């Protein structure tokens, strides 16, 4: 019993990874623009087991400011800030690594 309690107490603070599919969403998008981009991005998060367990994974999404994009095809670099992660959790990596989006004018 003591061994299990010690394992549970110490194990909650060990770094752990979790990989999830999260939606890619854009804000501040111009009314006359269309963005062709993947709907989902696979992200790997790292943090303590306790912190990762506290994250509502159904609410996670990548939020990207479309005002930073210009027309045409361009690479999109992501960071943990785009996921609005709580302290103690960070994004380790994401795929596709060569993420690109295409911004075009909407058809009238």
C-alpha atoms as a PDB file:
ATOM      1  CA  UNK A   1       0.000   0.000   0.000  1.00  0.00           C
ATOM      2  CA  UNK A   2       2.808   2.404   0.883  1.00  0.00           C
ATOM      3  CA  UNK A   3       4.601   1.571  -2.366  1.00  0.00           C
ATOM      4  CA  UNK A   4       1.512   2.318  -4.455  1.00  0.00           C
ATOM      5  CA  UNK A   5       0.875   5.595  -2.630  1.00  0.00           C
ATOM      6  CA  UNK A   6       4.465   6.684  -3.186  1.00  0.00           C
ATOM      7  CA  UNK A   7       4.295   5.683  -6.871  1.00  0.00           C
ATOM      8  CA  UNK A   8       1.004   7.567  -7.361  1.00  0.00           C
ATOM      9  CA  UNK A   9       2.329  10.673  -5.617  1.00  0.00           C
ATOM     10  CA  UNK A  10       5.649  10.809  -7.479  1.00  0.00           C
ATOM     11  CA  UNK A  11       4.305   9.545 -10.799  1.00  0.00           C
ATOM     12  CA  UNK A  12       1.856  12.432 -11.112  1.00  0.00           C
ATOM     13  CA  UNK A  13       4.793  14.836 -11.484  1.00  0.00           C
ATOM     14  CA  UNK A  14       6.797  12.840 -14.049  1.00  0.00           C
ATOM     15  CA  UNK A  15       6.940  14.280 -17.559  1.00  0.00           C
ATOM     16  CA  UNK A  16       4.617  12.499 -19.927  1.00  0.00           C
ATOM     17  CA  UNK A  17       3.650  12.966 -23.565  1.00  0.00           C
ATOM     18  CA  UNK A  18       0.266  12.778 -25.221  1.00  0.00           C
ATOM     19  CA  UNK A  19      -0.507  13.008 -28.956  1.00  0.00           C
ATOM     20  CA  UNK A  20      -3.830  14.457 -30.085  1.00  0.00           C
ATOM     21  CA  UNK A  21      -5.625  15.586 -33.231  1.00  0.00           C
ATOM     22  CA  UNK A  22      -6.786  19.185 -32.784  1.00  0.00           C
ATOM     23  CA  UNK A  23      -8.709  21.467 -35.154  1.00  0.00           C
ATOM     24  CA  UNK A  24      -6.957  24.346 -36.923  1.00  0.00           C
ATOM     25  CA  UNK A  25      -9.024  27.532 -36.727  1.00  0.00           C
ATOM     26  CA  UNK A  26      -8.410  31.053 -38.007  1.00  0.00           C
ATOM     27  CA  UNK A  27      -9.583  34.370 -36.583  1.00  0.00           C
ATOM     28  CA  UNK A  28      -9.445  37.945 -37.974  1.00  0.00           C
ATOM     29  CA  UNK A  29     -10.091  36.563 -41.440  1.00  0.00           C
ATOM     30  CA  UNK A  30     -10.954  39.108 -44.121  1.00  0.00           C
ATOM     31  CA  UNK A  31     -14.526  38.707 -45.398  1.00  0.00           C
ATOM     32  CA  UNK A  32     -13.334  38.326 -48.992  1.00  0.00           C
ATOM     33  CA  UNK A  33     -10.641  35.693 -48.264  1.00  0.00           C
ATOM     34  CA  UNK A  34     -10.777  31.924 -48.249  1.00  0.00           C
ATOM     35  CA  UNK A  35      -8.136  29.772 -46.539  1.00  0.00           C
ATOM     36  CA  UNK A  36      -7.369  26.260 -47.732  1.00  0.00           C
ATOM     37  CA  UNK A  37      -5.699  24.440 -44.846  1.00  0.00           C
ATOM     38  CA  UNK A  38      -5.814  21.086 -43.085  1.00  0.00           C
ATOM     39  CA  UNK A  39      -8.781  20.761 -40.747  1.00  0.00           C
ATOM     40  CA  UNK A  40      -6.796  18.856 -38.103  1.00  0.00           C
ATOM     41  CA  UNK A  41      -3.215  18.997 -36.873  1.00  0.00           C
ATOM     42  CA  UNK A  42      -1.575  16.221 -34.852  1.00  0.00           C
ATOM     43  CA  UNK A  43       0.199  17.722 -31.823  1.00  0.00           C
ATOM     44  CA  UNK A  44       2.305  16.103 -29.138  1.00  0.00           C
ATOM     45  CA  UNK A  45       2.133  17.778 -25.744  1.00  0.00           C
ATOM     46  CA  UNK A  46       4.492  17.263 -22.828  1.00  0.00           C
ATOM     47  CA  UNK A  47       3.907  17.966 -19.167  1.00  0.00           C
ATOM     48  CA  UNK A  48       3.278  16.259 -15.885  1.00  0.00           C
ATOM     49  CA  UNK A  49       0.638  13.556 -15.895  1.00  0.00           C
ATOM     50  CA  UNK A  50      -1.448  15.576 -13.455  1.00  0.00           C
ATOM     51  CA  UNK A  51      -1.368  18.716 -15.633  1.00  0.00           C
ATOM     52  CA  UNK A  52      -2.096  16.818 -18.841  1.00  0.00           C
ATOM     53  CA  UNK A  53      -5.030  15.087 -17.164  1.00  0.00           C
ATOM     54  CA  UNK A  54      -6.460  18.487 -16.206  1.00  0.00           C
ATOM     55  CA  UNK A  55      -6.597  19.712 -19.830  1.00  0.00           C
ATOM     56  CA  UNK A  56      -9.980  19.436 -21.550  1.00  0.00           C
ATOM     57  CA  UNK A  57      -8.733  17.950 -24.812  1.00  0.00           C
ATOM     58  CA  UNK A  58     -12.137  18.425 -26.460  1.00  0.00           C
ATOM     59  CA  UNK A  59     -11.667  22.185 -26.074  1.00  0.00           C
ATOM     60  CA  UNK A  60      -8.137  22.327 -27.550  1.00  0.00           C
ATOM     61  CA  UNK A  61      -7.738  24.003 -30.933  1.00  0.00           C
ATOM     62  CA  UNK A  62      -4.976  25.805 -32.769  1.00  0.00           C
ATOM     63  CA  UNK A  63      -5.920  29.478 -33.069  1.00  0.00           C
ATOM     64  CA  UNK A  64      -4.091  31.363 -35.837  1.00  0.00           C
ATOM     65  CA  UNK A  65      -4.444  35.058 -36.670  1.00  0.00           C
ATOM     66  CA  UNK A  66      -5.425  35.162 -40.361  1.00  0.00           C
ATOM     67  CA  UNK A  67      -4.496  38.863 -40.500  1.00  0.00           C
ATOM     68  CA  UNK A  68      -0.859  37.672 -40.460  1.00  0.00           C
ATOM     69  CA  UNK A  69      -1.373  35.809 -43.750  1.00  0.00           C
ATOM     70  CA  UNK A  70      -1.108  37.234 -47.241  1.00  0.00           C
ATOM     71  CA  UNK A  71      -2.661  35.877 -50.447  1.00  0.00           C
ATOM     72  CA  UNK A  72      -1.012  32.818 -51.969  1.00  0.00           C
ATOM     73  CA  UNK A  73       0.615  29.682 -50.607  1.00  0.00           C
ATOM     74  CA  UNK A  74       2.719  30.090 -47.500  1.00  0.00           C
ATOM     75  CA  UNK A  75       4.190  28.061 -44.677  1.00  0.00           C
ATOM     76  CA  UNK A  76       2.526  28.169 -41.293  1.00  0.00           C
ATOM     77  CA  UNK A  77       4.759  27.940 -38.214  1.00  0.00           C
ATOM     78  CA  UNK A  78       2.973  26.946 -35.028  1.00  0.00           C
ATOM     79  CA  UNK A  79       3.901  27.168 -31.362  1.00  0.00           C
ATOM     80  CA  UNK A  80       2.316  26.306 -28.043  1.00  0.00           C
ATOM     81  CA  UNK A  81       0.958  29.867 -27.915  1.00  0.00           C
ATOM     82  CA  UNK A  82      -1.402  28.984 -30.761  1.00  0.00           C
ATOM     83  CA  UNK A  83      -2.916  26.262 -28.546  1.00  0.00           C
ATOM     84  CA  UNK A  84      -3.422  28.498 -25.491  1.00  0.00           C
ATOM     85  CA  UNK A  85      -1.843  25.877 -23.244  1.00  0.00           C
ATOM     86  CA  UNK A  86      -1.817  26.241 -19.469  1.00  0.00           C
ATOM     87  CA  UNK A  87       1.460  26.685 -17.564  1.00  0.00           C
ATOM     88  CA  UNK A  88       3.448  23.496 -17.224  1.00  0.00           C
ATOM     89  CA  UNK A  89       2.380  22.058 -20.594  1.00  0.00           C
ATOM     90  CA  UNK A  90       4.137  22.709 -23.864  1.00  0.00           C
ATOM     91  CA  UNK A  91       3.830  21.565 -27.442  1.00  0.00           C
ATOM     92  CA  UNK A  92       6.703  19.225 -28.260  1.00  0.00           C
ATOM     93  CA  UNK A  93       6.000  18.949 -31.997  1.00  0.00           C
ATOM     94  CA  UNK A  94       3.244  18.850 -34.598  1.00  0.00           C
ATOM     95  CA  UNK A  95       2.560  17.223 -37.937  1.00  0.00           C
ATOM     96  CA  UNK A  96       2.514  17.884 -40.760  1.00  0.00           C
ATOM     97  CA  UNK A  97       5.895  19.548 -40.199  1.00  0.00           C
ATOM     98  CA  UNK A  98       5.789  21.334 -43.556  1.00  0.00           C
ATOM     99  CA  UNK A  99       2.402  22.876 -42.883  1.00  0.00           C
ATOM    100  CA  UNK A 100       1.297  25.207 -45.670  1.00  0.00           C
ATOM    101  CA  UNK A 101      -1.913  27.123 -46.261  1.00  0.00           C
ATOM    102  CA  UNK A 102      -3.310  28.814 -49.334  1.00  0.00           C
ATOM    103  CA  UNK A 103      -5.107  32.159 -49.024  1.00  0.00           C
ATOM    104  CA  UNK A 104      -7.307  33.200 -51.945  1.00  0.00           C
ATOM    105  CA  UNK A 105     -10.077  35.633 -52.740  1.00  0.00           C
ATOM    106  CA  UNK A 106     -13.586  34.212 -52.403  1.00  0.00           C
ATOM    107  CA  UNK A 107     -15.609  33.719 -55.567  1.00  0.00           C
ATOM    108  CA  UNK A 108     -18.369  36.307 -55.777  1.00  0.00           C
END
